[in-house]
Amino acid sequence: MSTTRGLLYALAAAFTYGLMSFLVHWNPTRFPVAQLIFSRGLITIAVLLPFCFRDLKKYFLRDAKFLWLRALAGALALTFYYYALQGTASANANLLFSCSPIFVTLFAWIFYREKLAGHEGLGVALILLGNFLLYLPNRSTMPAWVWGSGIAGGLFASIAFLSLSHAAKRYSIALIVIGLGFSSTLLSLLLPSAPWLTPAPWDLVFLLVVALLGTLSQITATLSFIPLKSSVATAVGRTSILFSGMFDILIAHYQPRALEWLSYFVVLAGVALAHGSLSHKPKPLP
């Protein structure tokens, strides 16, 4: 698979993740986080189970540690991210979650000895800078638990992404993503939560769309990790904040300020530079 196709998959993942983030933050019925995660996981399982039912036994093989790391760390990252989204503005939550490329770049160098070319490193830096510029006009005070939730989400996401980089080259996409569905569904049942709400017919559509967008973003993100370096794929995936801003403009009729427009162009420039020319071939973790 070419790096150009990998970049397109990463952008598709960012688009679907950005729309999902917008909807989770919007959440007109105010469903509890646990209920949102449960519905997403359940629908992911229902959609993907026919494609990987016979392969589920691979989770119990001796060398399945990357499948489990991806599933468990991904579920924790998703949980912390949803809490951050419901505790502050979506731009703030995305900014905190954007620390994940930093962790990925650091861990990829420590464990894989993965080094970025100069243009790739500059591209990652521009994407992070664009995320920060987008936050500035809307910055607001955030409780300590929101800071902690967002950064923890970014940390667990980095572990999930590094595991995904290895697992995507050995297992089917459906098998990888369904593991996240199972683990997030089970985790949602253990979370402290406000009483779950009985959804009206329109709410069922909302929950279905959020879940399908989440599943599609995971599938396309997994595909992007096959040809791209983990740090590049993660950084390009964080352009989801750009798409969240676009939906704010188109759906919520938000009027961006000059600095926000600048941030969009900075992010786009970062995507162009982050498009590396070499496939990522990670070494196994020690």
C-alpha atoms as a PDB file:
ATOM      1  CA  MET A   1       0.000   0.000   0.000  1.00  0.00           C
ATOM      2  CA  SER A   2       1.401   3.404  -0.985  1.00  0.00           C
ATOM      3  CA  THR A   3       2.000   6.178   1.515  1.00  0.00           C
ATOM      4  CA  THR A   4      -0.391   8.361  -0.496  1.00  0.00           C
ATOM      5  CA  ARG A   5      -3.197   5.896   0.150  1.00  0.00           C
ATOM      6  CA  GLY A   6      -2.157   5.697   3.791  1.00  0.00           C
ATOM      7  CA  LEU A   7      -2.406   9.473   4.036  1.00  0.00           C
ATOM      8  CA  LEU A   8      -5.890   9.399   2.513  1.00  0.00           C
ATOM      9  CA  TYR A   9      -6.965   6.746   5.027  1.00  0.00           C
ATOM     10  CA  ALA A  10      -5.572   8.872   7.873  1.00  0.00           C
ATOM     11  CA  LEU A  11      -7.505  11.895   6.606  1.00  0.00           C
ATOM     12  CA  ALA A  12     -10.664   9.788   6.273  1.00  0.00           C
ATOM     13  CA  ALA A  13     -10.180   8.660   9.880  1.00  0.00           C
ATOM     14  CA  ALA A  14      -9.741  12.288  10.933  1.00  0.00           C
ATOM     15  CA  PHE A  15     -12.900  13.317   9.081  1.00  0.00           C
ATOM     16  CA  THR A  16     -15.103  10.619  10.620  1.00  0.00           C
ATOM     17  CA  TYR A  17     -13.521  11.103  14.065  1.00  0.00           C
ATOM     18  CA  GLY A  18     -14.035  14.865  13.821  1.00  0.00           C
ATOM     19  CA  LEU A  19     -17.712  14.427  12.985  1.00  0.00           C
ATOM     20  CA  MET A  20     -18.125  11.874  15.777  1.00  0.00           C
ATOM     21  CA  SER A  21     -16.430  14.264  18.248  1.00  0.00           C
ATOM     22  CA  PHE A  22     -18.745  17.075  17.195  1.00  0.00           C
ATOM     23  CA  LEU A  23     -21.800  14.879  17.760  1.00  0.00           C
ATOM     24  CA  VAL A  24     -20.575  13.560  21.127  1.00  0.00           C
ATOM     25  CA  HIS A  25     -19.958  17.112  22.348  1.00  0.00           C
ATOM     26  CA  TRP A  26     -23.303  18.267  20.938  1.00  0.00           C
ATOM     27  CA  ASN A  27     -25.176  15.243  22.435  1.00  0.00           C
ATOM     28  CA  PRO A  28     -28.598  16.969  22.691  1.00  0.00           C
ATOM     29  CA  THR A  29     -30.131  14.319  24.973  1.00  0.00           C
ATOM     30  CA  ARG A  30     -27.055  14.362  27.269  1.00  0.00           C
ATOM     31  CA  PHE A  31     -26.513  10.626  27.352  1.00  0.00           C
ATOM     32  CA  PRO A  32     -23.977   9.572  30.016  1.00  0.00           C
ATOM     33  CA  VAL A  33     -20.502   8.695  28.765  1.00  0.00           C
ATOM     34  CA  ALA A  34     -20.904   5.043  29.738  1.00  0.00           C
ATOM     35  CA  GLN A  35     -24.087   4.740  27.664  1.00  0.00           C
ATOM     36  CA  LEU A  36     -22.446   6.342  24.617  1.00  0.00           C
ATOM     37  CA  ILE A  37     -19.450   4.011  24.845  1.00  0.00           C
ATOM     38  CA  PHE A  38     -21.661   0.947  25.379  1.00  0.00           C
ATOM     39  CA  SER A  39     -23.799   1.693  22.314  1.00  0.00           C
ATOM     40  CA  ARG A  40     -20.729   2.365  20.190  1.00  0.00           C
ATOM     41  CA  GLY A  41     -19.025  -0.861  21.255  1.00  0.00           C
ATOM     42  CA  LEU A  42     -22.155  -2.954  20.788  1.00  0.00           C
ATOM     43  CA  ILE A  43     -22.755  -1.674  17.257  1.00  0.00           C
ATOM     44  CA  THR A  44     -19.083  -2.171  16.377  1.00  0.00           C
ATOM     45  CA  ILE A  45     -19.367  -5.810  17.437  1.00  0.00           C
ATOM     46  CA  ALA A  46     -22.607  -6.309  15.484  1.00  0.00           C
ATOM     47  CA  VAL A  47     -21.127  -4.816  12.307  1.00  0.00           C
ATOM     48  CA  LEU A  48     -17.769  -6.627  12.362  1.00  0.00           C
ATOM     49  CA  LEU A  49     -18.513 -10.006  13.964  1.00  0.00           C
ATOM     50  CA  PRO A  50     -19.603 -11.679  10.686  1.00  0.00           C
ATOM     51  CA  PHE A  51     -16.214 -10.763   9.155  1.00  0.00           C
ATOM     52  CA  CYS A  52     -13.952 -12.142  11.885  1.00  0.00           C
ATOM     53  CA  PHE A  53     -15.947 -14.639  13.972  1.00  0.00           C
ATOM     54  CA  ARG A  54     -13.641 -17.537  13.085  1.00  0.00           C
ATOM     55  CA  ASP A  55     -10.539 -15.478  13.877  1.00  0.00           C
ATOM     56  CA  LEU A  56     -11.531 -14.480  17.425  1.00  0.00           C
ATOM     57  CA  LYS A  57      -9.468 -17.389  18.754  1.00  0.00           C
ATOM     58  CA  LYS A  58      -6.342 -15.466  17.721  1.00  0.00           C
ATOM     59  CA  TYR A  59      -6.851 -13.253  20.780  1.00  0.00           C
ATOM     60  CA  PHE A  60      -5.914 -16.260  22.890  1.00  0.00           C
ATOM     61  CA  LEU A  61      -2.701 -17.178  21.104  1.00  0.00           C
ATOM     62  CA  ARG A  62       0.632 -16.633  22.808  1.00  0.00           C
ATOM     63  CA  ASP A  63       1.705 -13.790  20.501  1.00  0.00           C
ATOM     64  CA  ALA A  64      -1.561 -11.782  20.740  1.00  0.00           C
ATOM     65  CA  LYS A  65      -0.188  -9.134  23.105  1.00  0.00           C
ATOM     66  CA  PHE A  66      -0.481  -6.368  20.506  1.00  0.00           C
ATOM     67  CA  LEU A  67      -4.145  -7.212  19.895  1.00  0.00           C
ATOM     68  CA  TRP A  68      -4.830  -6.961  23.631  1.00  0.00           C
ATOM     69  CA  LEU A  69      -2.796  -3.760  24.051  1.00  0.00           C
ATOM     70  CA  ARG A  70      -4.653  -2.146  21.179  1.00  0.00           C
ATOM     71  CA  ALA A  71      -8.036  -3.207  22.549  1.00  0.00           C
ATOM     72  CA  LEU A  72      -7.517  -2.301  26.212  1.00  0.00           C
ATOM     73  CA  ALA A  73      -5.504   0.894  25.750  1.00  0.00           C
ATOM     74  CA  GLY A  74      -7.898   2.006  23.012  1.00  0.00           C
ATOM     75  CA  ALA A  75     -10.911   1.494  25.273  1.00  0.00           C
ATOM     76  CA  LEU A  76      -9.305   3.530  28.060  1.00  0.00           C
ATOM     77  CA  ALA A  77      -8.330   6.301  25.612  1.00  0.00           C
ATOM     78  CA  LEU A  78     -11.873   6.439  24.241  1.00  0.00           C
ATOM     79  CA  THR A  79     -13.348   6.630  27.740  1.00  0.00           C
ATOM     80  CA  PHE A  80     -11.105   9.466  28.897  1.00  0.00           C
ATOM     81  CA  TYR A  81     -11.684  11.356  25.630  1.00  0.00           C
ATOM     82  CA  TYR A  82     -15.486  11.122  25.936  1.00  0.00           C
ATOM     83  CA  TYR A  83     -15.312  12.407  29.512  1.00  0.00           C
ATOM     84  CA  ALA A  84     -13.154  15.339  28.394  1.00  0.00           C
ATOM     85  CA  LEU A  85     -15.586  16.120  25.561  1.00  0.00           C
ATOM     86  CA  GLN A  86     -18.482  16.335  27.989  1.00  0.00           C
ATOM     87  CA  GLY A  87     -16.501  18.393  30.494  1.00  0.00           C
ATOM     88  CA  THR A  88     -15.288  21.203  28.232  1.00  0.00           C
ATOM     89  CA  ALA A  89     -15.514  22.647  24.741  1.00  0.00           C
ATOM     90  CA  SER A  90     -14.597  20.259  21.930  1.00  0.00           C
ATOM     91  CA  ALA A  91     -11.615  22.461  20.950  1.00  0.00           C
ATOM     92  CA  ASN A  92     -10.227  22.156  24.490  1.00  0.00           C
ATOM     93  CA  ALA A  93     -10.706  18.373  24.584  1.00  0.00           C
ATOM     94  CA  ASN A  94      -9.069  17.988  21.181  1.00  0.00           C
ATOM     95  CA  LEU A  95      -6.120  20.101  22.282  1.00  0.00           C
ATOM     96  CA  LEU A  96      -5.512  17.916  25.334  1.00  0.00           C
ATOM     97  CA  PHE A  97      -5.937  14.729  23.305  1.00  0.00           C
ATOM     98  CA  SER A  98      -3.473  16.111  20.752  1.00  0.00           C
ATOM     99  CA  CYS A  99      -0.620  15.250  23.097  1.00  0.00           C
ATOM    100  CA  SER A 100      -0.912  11.696  21.733  1.00  0.00           C
ATOM    101  CA  PRO A 101       1.422  12.335  18.729  1.00  0.00           C
ATOM    102  CA  ILE A 102       4.059  13.587  21.168  1.00  0.00           C
ATOM    103  CA  PHE A 103       3.843  10.384  23.208  1.00  0.00           C
ATOM    104  CA  VAL A 104       3.778   8.260  20.030  1.00  0.00           C
ATOM    105  CA  THR A 105       6.867   9.970  18.609  1.00  0.00           C
ATOM    106  CA  LEU A 106       8.705   9.521  21.922  1.00  0.00           C
ATOM    107  CA  PHE A 107       7.698   5.887  22.469  1.00  0.00           C
ATOM    108  CA  ALA A 108       8.296   4.977  18.810  1.00  0.00           C
ATOM    109  CA  TRP A 109      11.857   6.241  19.147  1.00  0.00           C
ATOM    110  CA  ILE A 110      12.420   4.422  22.468  1.00  0.00           C
ATOM    111  CA  PHE A 111      10.907   1.057  21.476  1.00  0.00           C
ATOM    112  CA  TYR A 112      11.152   0.971  17.657  1.00  0.00           C
ATOM    113  CA  ARG A 113      14.098   3.341  17.076  1.00  0.00           C
ATOM    114  CA  GLU A 114      11.778   5.042  14.592  1.00  0.00           C
ATOM    115  CA  LYS A 115      13.227   8.349  13.404  1.00  0.00           C
ATOM    116  CA  LEU A 116      11.371  11.043  11.486  1.00  0.00           C
ATOM    117  CA  ALA A 117      12.760  12.703   8.388  1.00  0.00           C
ATOM    118  CA  GLY A 118      13.111  16.471   8.679  1.00  0.00           C
ATOM    119  CA  HIS A 119       9.986  17.254   6.646  1.00  0.00           C
ATOM    120  CA  GLU A 120       7.963  14.646   8.583  1.00  0.00           C
ATOM    121  CA  GLY A 121       9.004  16.087  11.954  1.00  0.00           C
ATOM    122  CA  LEU A 122       8.150  19.596  10.761  1.00  0.00           C
ATOM    123  CA  GLY A 123       4.789  18.350   9.536  1.00  0.00           C
ATOM    124  CA  VAL A 124       3.971  16.777  12.921  1.00  0.00           C
ATOM    125  CA  ALA A 125       5.018  20.013  14.658  1.00  0.00           C
ATOM    126  CA  LEU A 126       2.796  22.117  12.375  1.00  0.00           C
ATOM    127  CA  ILE A 127      -0.212  19.886  13.008  1.00  0.00           C
ATOM    128  CA  LEU A 128       0.267  20.255  16.768  1.00  0.00           C
ATOM    129  CA  LEU A 129       0.787  24.019  16.373  1.00  0.00           C
ATOM    130  CA  GLY A 130      -2.414  24.264  14.344  1.00  0.00           C
ATOM    131  CA  ASN A 131      -4.303  22.438  17.093  1.00  0.00           C
ATOM    132  CA  PHE A 132      -2.961  24.910  19.650  1.00  0.00           C
ATOM    133  CA  LEU A 133      -3.818  27.964  17.518  1.00  0.00           C
ATOM    134  CA  LEU A 134      -7.356  26.674  17.101  1.00  0.00           C
ATOM    135  CA  TYR A 135      -7.686  26.463  20.867  1.00  0.00           C
ATOM    136  CA  LEU A 136      -6.469  29.993  21.627  1.00  0.00           C
ATOM    137  CA  PRO A 137      -9.542  32.038  20.573  1.00  0.00           C
ATOM    138  CA  ASN A 138     -11.869  29.751  22.547  1.00  0.00           C
ATOM    139  CA  ARG A 139      -9.707  29.005  25.557  1.00  0.00           C
ATOM    140  CA  SER A 140     -11.567  28.688  28.811  1.00  0.00           C
ATOM    141  CA  THR A 141     -10.796  27.557  32.316  1.00  0.00           C
ATOM    142  CA  MET A 142     -10.901  23.790  32.625  1.00  0.00           C
ATOM    143  CA  PRO A 143     -11.300  21.820  35.854  1.00  0.00           C
ATOM    144  CA  ALA A 144      -8.346  19.704  36.912  1.00  0.00           C
ATOM    145  CA  TRP A 145     -10.241  16.500  36.159  1.00  0.00           C
ATOM    146  CA  VAL A 146     -10.730  17.603  32.520  1.00  0.00           C
ATOM    147  CA  TRP A 147      -6.997  18.266  32.156  1.00  0.00           C
ATOM    148  CA  GLY A 148      -6.243  14.868  33.673  1.00  0.00           C
ATOM    149  CA  SER A 149      -8.834  13.077  31.555  1.00  0.00           C
ATOM    150  CA  GLY A 150      -7.649  14.643  28.294  1.00  0.00           C
ATOM    151  CA  ILE A 151      -3.957  13.984  28.894  1.00  0.00           C
ATOM    152  CA  ALA A 152      -4.629  10.435  30.135  1.00  0.00           C
ATOM    153  CA  GLY A 153      -6.640   9.851  26.974  1.00  0.00           C
ATOM    154  CA  GLY A 154      -3.697  11.013  24.887  1.00  0.00           C
ATOM    155  CA  LEU A 155      -1.292   8.754  26.786  1.00  0.00           C
ATOM    156  CA  PHE A 156      -3.442   5.632  26.438  1.00  0.00           C
ATOM    157  CA  ALA A 157      -4.101   6.532  22.794  1.00  0.00           C
ATOM    158  CA  SER A 158      -0.362   6.578  22.133  1.00  0.00           C
ATOM    159  CA  ILE A 159      -0.032   3.054  23.554  1.00  0.00           C
ATOM    160  CA  ALA A 160      -2.989   1.943  21.440  1.00  0.00           C
ATOM    161  CA  PHE A 161      -1.538   3.527  18.298  1.00  0.00           C
ATOM    162  CA  LEU A 162       1.886   1.940  18.758  1.00  0.00           C
ATOM    163  CA  SER A 163       0.248  -1.449  19.285  1.00  0.00           C
ATOM    164  CA  LEU A 164      -1.951  -0.816  16.262  1.00  0.00           C
ATOM    165  CA  SER A 165       1.105  -0.096  14.123  1.00  0.00           C
ATOM    166  CA  HIS A 166       2.366  -3.606  14.856  1.00  0.00           C
ATOM    167  CA  ALA A 167      -0.986  -5.434  14.848  1.00  0.00           C
ATOM    168  CA  ALA A 168      -2.152  -3.913  11.539  1.00  0.00           C
ATOM    169  CA  LYS A 169       0.595  -5.799   9.713  1.00  0.00           C
ATOM    170  CA  ARG A 170      -0.336  -9.178  11.191  1.00  0.00           C
ATOM    171  CA  TYR A 171      -4.100  -9.314  11.727  1.00  0.00           C
ATOM    172  CA  SER A 172      -7.242  -8.419   9.799  1.00  0.00           C
ATOM    173  CA  ILE A 173      -8.728  -4.958  10.220  1.00  0.00           C
ATOM    174  CA  ALA A 174     -12.042  -6.380  11.472  1.00  0.00           C
ATOM    175  CA  LEU A 175     -10.305  -8.498  14.131  1.00  0.00           C
ATOM    176  CA  ILE A 176      -8.338  -5.508  15.449  1.00  0.00           C
ATOM    177  CA  VAL A 177     -11.308  -3.144  15.598  1.00  0.00           C
ATOM    178  CA  ILE A 178     -13.733  -5.641  17.102  1.00  0.00           C
ATOM    179  CA  GLY A 179     -11.345  -6.066  20.036  1.00  0.00           C
ATOM    180  CA  LEU A 180     -11.819  -2.394  20.815  1.00  0.00           C
ATOM    181  CA  GLY A 181     -15.572  -2.917  20.547  1.00  0.00           C
ATOM    182  CA  PHE A 182     -15.565  -5.781  23.069  1.00  0.00           C
ATOM    183  CA  SER A 183     -13.225  -4.084  25.548  1.00  0.00           C
ATOM    184  CA  SER A 184     -15.009  -0.710  25.445  1.00  0.00           C
ATOM    185  CA  THR A 185     -18.413  -2.375  25.867  1.00  0.00           C
ATOM    186  CA  LEU A 186     -17.242  -4.287  28.944  1.00  0.00           C
ATOM    187  CA  LEU A 187     -15.472  -1.237  30.361  1.00  0.00           C
ATOM    188  CA  SER A 188     -18.619   0.876  29.994  1.00  0.00           C
ATOM    189  CA  LEU A 189     -20.472  -1.511  32.318  1.00  0.00           C
ATOM    190  CA  LEU A 190     -17.856  -0.920  35.036  1.00  0.00           C
ATOM    191  CA  LEU A 191     -17.789   2.876  34.850  1.00  0.00           C
ATOM    192  CA  PRO A 192     -19.502   5.001  37.511  1.00  0.00           C
ATOM    193  CA  SER A 193     -22.320   6.678  35.666  1.00  0.00           C
ATOM    194  CA  ALA A 194     -25.470   8.730  35.927  1.00  0.00           C
ATOM    195  CA  PRO A 195     -28.619   6.691  35.226  1.00  0.00           C
ATOM    196  CA  TRP A 196     -28.832   5.636  31.604  1.00  0.00           C
ATOM    197  CA  LEU A 197     -31.568   7.314  29.593  1.00  0.00           C
ATOM    198  CA  THR A 198     -34.303   5.628  27.591  1.00  0.00           C
ATOM    199  CA  PRO A 199     -33.681   6.754  24.005  1.00  0.00           C
ATOM    200  CA  ALA A 200     -36.488   8.126  21.857  1.00  0.00           C
ATOM    201  CA  PRO A 201     -36.609   7.101  18.146  1.00  0.00           C
ATOM    202  CA  TRP A 202     -34.490  10.124  17.127  1.00  0.00           C
ATOM    203  CA  ASP A 203     -32.012   9.298  19.872  1.00  0.00           C
ATOM    204  CA  LEU A 204     -31.562   5.816  18.417  1.00  0.00           C
ATOM    205  CA  VAL A 205     -30.563   7.397  15.114  1.00  0.00           C
ATOM    206  CA  PHE A 206     -28.102   9.652  16.950  1.00  0.00           C
ATOM    207  CA  LEU A 207     -26.544   6.735  18.848  1.00  0.00           C
ATOM    208  CA  LEU A 208     -26.341   4.639  15.666  1.00  0.00           C
ATOM    209  CA  VAL A 209     -24.634   7.411  13.665  1.00  0.00           C
ATOM    210  CA  VAL A 210     -22.111   8.123  16.455  1.00  0.00           C
ATOM    211  CA  ALA A 211     -21.296   4.419  16.750  1.00  0.00           C
ATOM    212  CA  LEU A 212     -20.929   3.866  13.006  1.00  0.00           C
ATOM    213  CA  LEU A 213     -18.713   6.937  12.657  1.00  0.00           C
ATOM    214  CA  GLY A 214     -16.544   5.659  15.499  1.00  0.00           C
ATOM    215  CA  THR A 215     -16.273   2.229  13.878  1.00  0.00           C
ATOM    216  CA  LEU A 216     -15.443   3.703  10.462  1.00  0.00           C
ATOM    217  CA  SER A 217     -12.805   5.989  11.979  1.00  0.00           C
ATOM    218  CA  GLN A 218     -11.141   2.989  13.629  1.00  0.00           C
ATOM    219  CA  ILE A 219     -11.148   0.991  10.398  1.00  0.00           C
ATOM    220  CA  THR A 220      -9.621   3.783   8.323  1.00  0.00           C
ATOM    221  CA  ALA A 221      -7.131   4.660  11.068  1.00  0.00           C
ATOM    222  CA  THR A 222      -6.001   1.028  11.185  1.00  0.00           C
ATOM    223  CA  LEU A 223      -5.529   1.015   7.412  1.00  0.00           C
ATOM    224  CA  SER A 224      -3.423   4.184   7.620  1.00  0.00           C
ATOM    225  CA  PHE A 225      -0.952   2.551  10.019  1.00  0.00           C
ATOM    226  CA  ILE A 226       0.033  -0.115   7.489  1.00  0.00           C
ATOM    227  CA  PRO A 227       2.086   2.151   5.149  1.00  0.00           C
ATOM    228  CA  LEU A 228       2.756   5.174   7.372  1.00  0.00           C
ATOM    229  CA  LYS A 229       5.110   5.681  10.289  1.00  0.00           C
ATOM    230  CA  SER A 230       3.166   5.511  13.550  1.00  0.00           C
ATOM    231  CA  SER A 231       4.034   9.088  14.524  1.00  0.00           C
ATOM    232  CA  VAL A 232       2.980  10.442  11.112  1.00  0.00           C
ATOM    233  CA  ALA A 233      -0.285   8.462  11.015  1.00  0.00           C
ATOM    234  CA  THR A 234      -1.140   9.623  14.544  1.00  0.00           C
ATOM    235  CA  ALA A 235      -0.379  13.274  13.794  1.00  0.00           C
ATOM    236  CA  VAL A 236      -2.405  13.289  10.575  1.00  0.00           C
ATOM    237  CA  GLY A 237      -5.246  11.651  12.469  1.00  0.00           C
ATOM    238  CA  ARG A 238      -5.228  14.624  14.845  1.00  0.00           C
ATOM    239  CA  THR A 239      -6.414  16.836  11.987  1.00  0.00           C
ATOM    240  CA  SER A 240      -9.811  15.722  13.248  1.00  0.00           C
ATOM    241  CA  ILE A 241      -9.841  19.043  15.097  1.00  0.00           C
ATOM    242  CA  LEU A 242      -9.906  20.765  11.712  1.00  0.00           C
ATOM    243  CA  PHE A 243     -12.955  18.778  10.670  1.00  0.00           C
ATOM    244  CA  SER A 244     -14.617  19.396  14.055  1.00  0.00           C
ATOM    245  CA  GLY A 245     -14.165  23.100  13.382  1.00  0.00           C
ATOM    246  CA  MET A 246     -15.652  22.690   9.920  1.00  0.00           C
ATOM    247  CA  PHE A 247     -18.773  21.067  11.356  1.00  0.00           C
ATOM    248  CA  ASP A 248     -19.013  23.850  13.934  1.00  0.00           C
ATOM    249  CA  ILE A 249     -19.083  26.302  11.013  1.00  0.00           C
ATOM    250  CA  LEU A 250     -21.460  24.373   8.753  1.00  0.00           C
ATOM    251  CA  ILE A 251     -23.871  22.905  11.312  1.00  0.00           C
ATOM    252  CA  ALA A 252     -23.635  25.079  14.422  1.00  0.00           C
ATOM    253  CA  HIS A 253     -23.125  28.270  12.332  1.00  0.00           C
ATOM    254  CA  TYR A 254     -20.011  29.208  14.254  1.00  0.00           C
ATOM    255  CA  GLN A 255     -18.068  32.195  12.881  1.00  0.00           C
ATOM    256  CA  PRO A 256     -14.315  31.512  13.064  1.00  0.00           C
ATOM    257  CA  ARG A 257     -11.888  34.250  14.004  1.00  0.00           C
ATOM    258  CA  ALA A 258      -8.796  35.153  12.010  1.00  0.00           C
ATOM    259  CA  LEU A 259      -6.501  33.050  14.222  1.00  0.00           C
ATOM    260  CA  GLU A 260      -8.728  30.013  13.718  1.00  0.00           C
ATOM    261  CA  TRP A 261      -8.565  30.354   9.931  1.00  0.00           C
ATOM    262  CA  LEU A 262      -4.787  30.566  10.253  1.00  0.00           C
ATOM    263  CA  SER A 263      -4.765  27.384  12.309  1.00  0.00           C
ATOM    264  CA  TYR A 264      -6.637  25.514   9.569  1.00  0.00           C
ATOM    265  CA  PHE A 265      -3.982  26.459   7.015  1.00  0.00           C
ATOM    266  CA  VAL A 266      -1.188  25.520   9.438  1.00  0.00           C
ATOM    267  CA  VAL A 267      -2.741  22.078   9.939  1.00  0.00           C
ATOM    268  CA  LEU A 268      -3.086  21.572   6.171  1.00  0.00           C
ATOM    269  CA  ALA A 269       0.555  22.550   5.673  1.00  0.00           C
ATOM    270  CA  GLY A 270       1.524  20.044   8.365  1.00  0.00           C
ATOM    271  CA  VAL A 271      -0.399  17.263   6.595  1.00  0.00           C
ATOM    272  CA  ALA A 272       1.429  18.018   3.357  1.00  0.00           C
ATOM    273  CA  LEU A 273       4.841  17.905   5.057  1.00  0.00           C
ATOM    274  CA  ALA A 274       4.049  14.851   7.191  1.00  0.00           C
ATOM    275  CA  HIS A 275       3.453  12.740   4.109  1.00  0.00           C
ATOM    276  CA  GLY A 276       6.595  10.602   4.351  1.00  0.00           C
ATOM    277  CA  SER A 277       8.060   8.685   1.436  1.00  0.00           C
ATOM    278  CA  LEU A 278       9.012   5.531   3.327  1.00  0.00           C
ATOM    279  CA  SER A 279       6.839   2.811   4.791  1.00  0.00           C
ATOM    280  CA  HIS A 280       7.059   2.168   8.486  1.00  0.00           C
ATOM    281  CA  LYS A 281       8.654  -1.145   9.408  1.00  0.00           C
ATOM    282  CA  PRO A 282       8.702  -1.253  13.197  1.00  0.00           C
ATOM    283  CA  LYS A 283      10.810  -3.577  15.222  1.00  0.00           C
ATOM    284  CA  PRO A 284       9.043  -5.665  17.851  1.00  0.00           C
ATOM    285  CA  LEU A 285       8.912  -4.290  21.352  1.00  0.00           C
ATOM    286  CA  PRO A 286      11.516  -5.838  23.633  1.00  0.00           C
END
